[in-house]
Amino acid sequence: QCQLTRYGMDCYAYALLAAGQIDLIIEAGLHAYDIQGPIGVIEAAGGIVTNWQGGAADQGGQVIAAATPELHAAALEILASHV
């Protein structure tokens, strides 16, 4: 349901999301140190970052970051139906 999918962007993807260049990031297998910095940047830009269940993402694991709360909710719904 995505227009374009990219792999292997690491932290650069989070900077693009905060800058308004992309809308959504979905990752798994992150460590706490992989996501704690980007959470602050994305939230300051108006985005939202959670785990795949909608809970806190600061400990890593499965993470979804979205540009808007509405996009985040839609992505969580899609993930829930496929996981």
C-alpha atoms as a PDB file:
ATOM      1  CA  GLN A   1       0.000   0.000   0.000  1.00  0.00           C
ATOM      2  CA  CYS A   2       3.073   2.218  -0.260  1.00  0.00           C
ATOM      3  CA  GLN A   3       3.996   4.180  -3.340  1.00  0.00           C
ATOM      4  CA  LEU A   4       7.747   3.657  -2.862  1.00  0.00           C
ATOM      5  CA  THR A   5       9.663   1.288  -0.591  1.00  0.00           C
ATOM      6  CA  ARG A   6      13.327   1.739   0.366  1.00  0.00           C
ATOM      7  CA  TYR A   7      15.628  -0.501   2.400  1.00  0.00           C
ATOM      8  CA  GLY A   8      18.837   0.220   4.296  1.00  0.00           C
ATOM      9  CA  MET A   9      18.449   3.945   4.932  1.00  0.00           C
ATOM     10  CA  ASP A  10      19.332   3.742   8.631  1.00  0.00           C
ATOM     11  CA  CYS A  11      19.057   7.060  10.510  1.00  0.00           C
ATOM     12  CA  TYR A  12      18.859   9.074   7.282  1.00  0.00           C
ATOM     13  CA  ALA A  13      15.236   7.968   6.863  1.00  0.00           C
ATOM     14  CA  TYR A  14      14.305   9.527  10.216  1.00  0.00           C
ATOM     15  CA  ALA A  15      15.888  12.831   9.154  1.00  0.00           C
ATOM     16  CA  LEU A  16      13.890  12.728   5.908  1.00  0.00           C
ATOM     17  CA  LEU A  17      10.679  12.093   7.856  1.00  0.00           C
ATOM     18  CA  ALA A  18      11.358  14.999  10.237  1.00  0.00           C
ATOM     19  CA  ALA A  19      12.088  17.238   7.245  1.00  0.00           C
ATOM     20  CA  GLY A  20       8.790  16.330   5.587  1.00  0.00           C
ATOM     21  CA  GLN A  21      10.342  14.444   2.681  1.00  0.00           C
ATOM     22  CA  ILE A  22       8.888  11.014   3.517  1.00  0.00           C
ATOM     23  CA  ASP A  23       5.784   9.962   5.447  1.00  0.00           C
ATOM     24  CA  LEU A  24       6.404   6.622   7.137  1.00  0.00           C
ATOM     25  CA  ILE A  25       9.159   4.366   8.498  1.00  0.00           C
ATOM     26  CA  ILE A  26       8.580   0.805   9.662  1.00  0.00           C
ATOM     27  CA  GLU A  27      11.518  -1.122  11.129  1.00  0.00           C
ATOM     28  CA  ALA A  28      12.212  -4.133  13.321  1.00  0.00           C
ATOM     29  CA  GLY A  29      15.221  -5.253  15.319  1.00  0.00           C
ATOM     30  CA  LEU A  30      16.297  -1.830  16.557  1.00  0.00           C
ATOM     31  CA  HIS A  31      18.325  -1.293  19.713  1.00  0.00           C
ATOM     32  CA  ALA A  32      17.427   1.474  22.157  1.00  0.00           C
ATOM     33  CA  TYR A  33      20.402   3.530  20.937  1.00  0.00           C
ATOM     34  CA  ASP A  34      19.133   3.277  17.343  1.00  0.00           C
ATOM     35  CA  ILE A  35      15.837   5.055  18.037  1.00  0.00           C
ATOM     36  CA  GLN A  36      16.131   7.271  21.121  1.00  0.00           C
ATOM     37  CA  GLY A  37      17.718  10.206  19.258  1.00  0.00           C
ATOM     38  CA  PRO A  38      15.374  10.126  16.264  1.00  0.00           C
ATOM     39  CA  ILE A  39      12.296  10.017  18.539  1.00  0.00           C
ATOM     40  CA  GLY A  40      13.025  13.513  19.848  1.00  0.00           C
ATOM     41  CA  VAL A  41      13.681  14.943  16.390  1.00  0.00           C
ATOM     42  CA  ILE A  42      10.542  13.427  14.840  1.00  0.00           C
ATOM     43  CA  GLU A  43       8.269  14.406  17.718  1.00  0.00           C
ATOM     44  CA  ALA A  44       9.631  17.966  17.651  1.00  0.00           C
ATOM     45  CA  ALA A  45       8.736  18.086  13.948  1.00  0.00           C
ATOM     46  CA  GLY A  46       5.152  16.986  14.713  1.00  0.00           C
ATOM     47  CA  GLY A  47       5.509  13.278  13.955  1.00  0.00           C
ATOM     48  CA  ILE A  48       4.823  10.245  16.093  1.00  0.00           C
ATOM     49  CA  VAL A  49       7.004   7.239  16.948  1.00  0.00           C
ATOM     50  CA  THR A  50       5.770   4.068  18.668  1.00  0.00           C
ATOM     51  CA  ASN A  51       6.270   0.344  18.627  1.00  0.00           C
ATOM     52  CA  TRP A  52       4.069  -1.777  16.347  1.00  0.00           C
ATOM     53  CA  GLN A  53       1.437  -2.028  19.081  1.00  0.00           C
ATOM     54  CA  GLY A  54       1.239   1.742  19.606  1.00  0.00           C
ATOM     55  CA  GLY A  55       3.306   1.754  22.798  1.00  0.00           C
ATOM     56  CA  ALA A  56       6.619   3.368  23.695  1.00  0.00           C
ATOM     57  CA  ALA A  57       9.441   2.785  21.218  1.00  0.00           C
ATOM     58  CA  ASP A  58      12.344   4.080  23.310  1.00  0.00           C
ATOM     59  CA  GLN A  59      13.669   0.574  24.022  1.00  0.00           C
ATOM     60  CA  GLY A  60      13.894  -0.328  20.327  1.00  0.00           C
ATOM     61  CA  GLY A  61      12.494  -3.477  18.778  1.00  0.00           C
ATOM     62  CA  GLN A  62       9.717  -3.008  16.226  1.00  0.00           C
ATOM     63  CA  VAL A  63       9.224   0.692  15.489  1.00  0.00           C
ATOM     64  CA  ILE A  64       6.864   2.738  13.354  1.00  0.00           C
ATOM     65  CA  ALA A  65       7.432   6.452  12.769  1.00  0.00           C
ATOM     66  CA  ALA A  66       4.897   8.567  10.908  1.00  0.00           C
ATOM     67  CA  ALA A  67       4.592  12.172   9.830  1.00  0.00           C
ATOM     68  CA  THR A  68       1.055  12.549  11.206  1.00  0.00           C
ATOM     69  CA  PRO A  69      -1.075  10.832  13.848  1.00  0.00           C
ATOM     70  CA  GLU A  70      -3.630   9.913  11.164  1.00  0.00           C
ATOM     71  CA  LEU A  71      -1.046   8.183   8.988  1.00  0.00           C
ATOM     72  CA  HIS A  72       0.340   6.462  12.070  1.00  0.00           C
ATOM     73  CA  ALA A  73      -3.102   5.091  13.005  1.00  0.00           C
ATOM     74  CA  ALA A  74      -3.697   3.833   9.459  1.00  0.00           C
ATOM     75  CA  ALA A  75      -0.289   2.139   9.342  1.00  0.00           C
ATOM     76  CA  LEU A  76      -0.852   0.478  12.743  1.00  0.00           C
ATOM     77  CA  GLU A  77      -4.156  -0.894  11.482  1.00  0.00           C
ATOM     78  CA  ILE A  78      -2.504  -2.369   8.391  1.00  0.00           C
ATOM     79  CA  LEU A  79       0.346  -3.849  10.447  1.00  0.00           C
ATOM     80  CA  ALA A  80      -2.093  -5.417  12.912  1.00  0.00           C
ATOM     81  CA  SER A  81      -3.888  -7.199  10.088  1.00  0.00           C
ATOM     82  CA  HIS A  82      -0.637  -8.650   8.693  1.00  0.00           C
ATOM     83  CA  VAL A  83       1.360  -9.587  11.805  1.00  0.00           C
END
